[in-house]
Amino acid sequence: MNNEHEHIYDDCIGNPPFAEALKTLGGGMNTEWKLTEGQQRFFDEKKERVSNLPEDATEREKEFAKIALFMANYAENLQGALNRVKAQRTAAMERTKHRTDFSKAWGALVACYRAIDRHFGDEIRANLEKNDRTQKEGQMRALMEQMQRLTK
């Protein structure tokens, strides 16, 4: 094996050129990610194809098979990380949509309150004040009656 092939092998196995991509997507290659059934089947087929070398394979073919297996594993991890980011993004978009819907509903409630207050606010406040006053008067009357019963 000459130095050129060792360099390719070292870059792929020892120091992956896209290691930062996995870090950016949230974690290393050991983090568990979910793949769809089709994606899992695809990567399993690729890894099986690379692993099934003929017995008379040359050293160079075996080296390329190792590199291809590494790249298949790496691509599988990267796809899983992308799936997780997509799921997180979808969830974030749903939360944003919910907040937007809530914000619209809140705006509608405020507009309704302003319209009601503008047209009927004085009457409503007077009615609430009367209700509070009569409720307190009723409570005082009930307490006075109860005190009279107890003193007899």
Protein backbone atom coordinates (compact mmCIF):
# COMPACT_ATOMS: atom_id res chain seq x y z
CA MET A 1 0.00 0.00 0.00
CA ASN A 2 1.50 3.35 -1.00
CA ASN A 3 1.34 6.61 0.99
CA GLU A 4 -1.45 8.06 -1.15
CA HIS A 5 -3.84 5.23 -0.19
CA GLU A 6 -2.83 5.40 3.48
CA HIS A 7 -3.70 9.10 3.48
CA ILE A 8 -7.18 8.43 2.04
CA TYR A 9 -7.73 5.63 4.53
CA ASP A 10 -6.61 7.77 7.48
CA ASP A 11 -8.79 10.70 6.46
CA CYS A 12 -11.87 8.50 6.15
CA ILE A 13 -11.39 6.27 9.19
CA GLY A 14 -9.27 8.22 11.67
CA ASN A 15 -10.42 11.75 11.00
CA PRO A 16 -13.78 11.92 9.21
CA PRO A 17 -13.94 14.97 6.96
CA PHE A 18 -17.55 15.66 7.99
CA ALA A 19 -17.27 15.14 11.76
CA GLU A 20 -18.37 18.74 12.31
CA ALA A 21 -21.59 18.03 10.41
CA LEU A 22 -22.65 15.47 13.03
CA LYS A 23 -21.69 17.84 15.86
CA THR A 24 -23.74 20.60 14.23
CA LEU A 25 -26.71 18.26 13.96
CA GLY A 26 -26.51 17.53 17.66
CA GLY A 27 -24.27 14.78 18.89
CA GLY A 28 -21.65 12.32 17.86
CA MET A 29 -21.92 9.15 15.88
CA ASN A 30 -22.94 7.13 18.96
CA THR A 31 -26.15 9.10 19.49
CA GLU A 32 -29.30 7.11 18.74
CA TRP A 33 -31.36 8.34 15.79
CA LYS A 34 -34.37 6.82 14.12
CA LEU A 35 -34.42 6.00 10.43
CA THR A 36 -37.47 5.19 8.38
CA GLU A 37 -37.88 1.56 7.34
CA GLY A 38 -36.91 2.40 3.77
CA GLN A 39 -33.80 4.27 4.88
CA GLN A 40 -32.76 1.43 7.22
CA ARG A 41 -33.28 -1.13 4.46
CA PHE A 42 -31.23 1.01 2.04
CA PHE A 43 -28.26 1.29 4.43
CA ASP A 44 -28.46 -2.39 5.39
CA GLU A 45 -28.32 -3.35 1.70
CA LYS A 46 -25.33 -1.08 1.09
CA LYS A 47 -23.43 -2.44 4.10
CA GLU A 48 -24.22 -6.02 3.13
CA ARG A 49 -23.03 -5.42 -0.44
CA VAL A 50 -19.74 -3.94 0.83
CA SER A 51 -19.22 -6.70 3.41
CA ASN A 52 -19.72 -9.55 0.92
CA LEU A 53 -16.28 -9.54 -0.66
CA PRO A 54 -15.18 -12.61 -2.58
CA GLU A 55 -12.58 -14.75 -0.84
CA ASP A 56 -10.02 -13.95 -3.54
CA ALA A 57 -10.37 -10.14 -3.03
CA THR A 58 -7.14 -8.19 -3.23
CA GLU A 59 -5.80 -6.12 -0.36
CA ARG A 60 -6.73 -2.97 -2.24
CA GLU A 61 -10.33 -4.18 -2.63
CA LYS A 62 -10.45 -4.99 1.09
CA GLU A 63 -9.19 -1.47 1.90
CA PHE A 64 -11.81 0.09 -0.34
CA ALA A 65 -14.45 -2.13 1.26
CA LYS A 66 -13.44 -0.84 4.71
CA ILE A 67 -13.66 2.74 3.48
CA ALA A 68 -17.02 2.08 1.80
CA LEU A 69 -18.36 0.43 4.98
CA PHE A 70 -17.22 3.40 7.04
CA MET A 71 -18.86 5.81 4.61
CA ALA A 72 -22.09 3.78 4.66
CA ASN A 73 -22.13 3.85 8.49
CA TYR A 74 -21.30 7.53 8.45
CA ALA A 75 -24.05 8.31 5.93
CA GLU A 76 -26.51 6.27 8.02
CA ASN A 77 -25.66 8.29 11.14
CA LEU A 78 -25.87 11.53 9.21
CA GLN A 79 -29.29 10.58 7.78
CA GLY A 80 -30.51 9.74 11.28
CA ALA A 81 -29.27 13.08 12.57
CA LEU A 82 -31.04 14.84 9.70
CA ASN A 83 -34.25 12.97 10.51
CA ARG A 84 -34.02 14.13 14.13
CA VAL A 85 -33.42 17.75 13.06
CA LYS A 86 -36.41 17.54 10.70
CA ALA A 87 -38.58 16.20 13.53
CA GLN A 88 -37.40 18.95 15.88
CA ARG A 89 -38.00 21.59 13.24
CA THR A 90 -41.49 20.25 12.52
CA ALA A 91 -42.29 20.31 16.25
CA ALA A 92 -40.95 23.85 16.53
CA MET A 93 -43.07 24.95 13.57
CA GLU A 94 -46.15 23.40 15.20
CA ARG A 95 -45.43 25.29 18.44
CA THR A 96 -44.97 28.50 16.46
CA LYS A 97 -48.24 27.90 14.62
CA HIS A 98 -49.99 27.29 17.95
CA ARG A 99 -48.53 30.52 19.34
CA THR A 100 -49.62 32.38 16.23
CA ASP A 101 -53.15 30.98 16.52
CA PHE A 102 -53.22 31.90 20.22
CA SER A 103 -51.95 35.38 19.40
CA LYS A 104 -54.71 35.84 16.80
CA ALA A 105 -57.34 34.60 19.25
CA TRP A 106 -56.00 36.91 21.96
CA GLY A 107 -56.13 39.85 19.54
CA ALA A 108 -59.75 39.02 18.71
CA LEU A 109 -60.65 38.84 22.41
CA VAL A 110 -59.02 42.22 23.06
CA ALA A 111 -60.89 43.75 20.13
CA CYS A 112 -64.18 42.33 21.43
CA TYR A 113 -63.46 43.61 24.93
CA ARG A 114 -62.71 47.10 23.62
CA ALA A 115 -65.90 47.18 21.56
CA ILE A 116 -68.02 45.98 24.48
CA ASP A 117 -66.33 48.39 26.88
CA ARG A 118 -66.81 51.30 24.48
CA HIS A 119 -70.54 50.68 24.02
CA PHE A 120 -71.68 49.06 27.25
CA GLY A 121 -68.80 49.58 29.70
CA ASP A 122 -70.53 52.09 31.99
CA GLU A 123 -73.67 49.95 32.24
CA ILE A 124 -71.65 46.78 32.92
CA ARG A 125 -69.55 48.47 35.63
CA ALA A 126 -72.69 49.91 37.28
CA ASN A 127 -74.36 46.51 37.16
CA LEU A 128 -71.30 44.77 38.66
CA GLU A 129 -71.07 47.41 41.37
CA LYS A 130 -74.78 46.95 42.20
CA ASN A 131 -74.32 43.14 42.30
CA ASP A 132 -71.33 43.47 44.64
CA ARG A 133 -73.20 45.91 46.89
CA THR A 134 -76.36 43.78 47.09
CA GLN A 135 -74.27 40.64 47.67
CA LYS A 136 -72.50 42.30 50.60
CA GLU A 137 -75.79 43.65 51.94
CA GLY A 138 -77.30 40.15 51.69
CA GLN A 139 -74.34 38.65 53.51
CA MET A 140 -74.61 41.29 56.26
CA ARG A 141 -78.38 40.66 56.61
CA ALA A 142 -77.77 36.90 56.87
CA LEU A 143 -75.06 37.41 59.51
CA MET A 144 -77.33 39.75 61.54
CA GLU A 145 -80.18 37.21 61.43
CA GLN A 146 -77.81 34.45 62.53
CA MET A 147 -76.54 36.62 65.42
CA GLN A 148 -80.11 37.35 66.53
CA ARG A 149 -80.91 33.63 66.51
CA LEU A 150 -77.84 32.87 68.57
CA THR A 151 -78.56 35.58 71.14
CA LYS A 152 -82.11 34.34 71.77
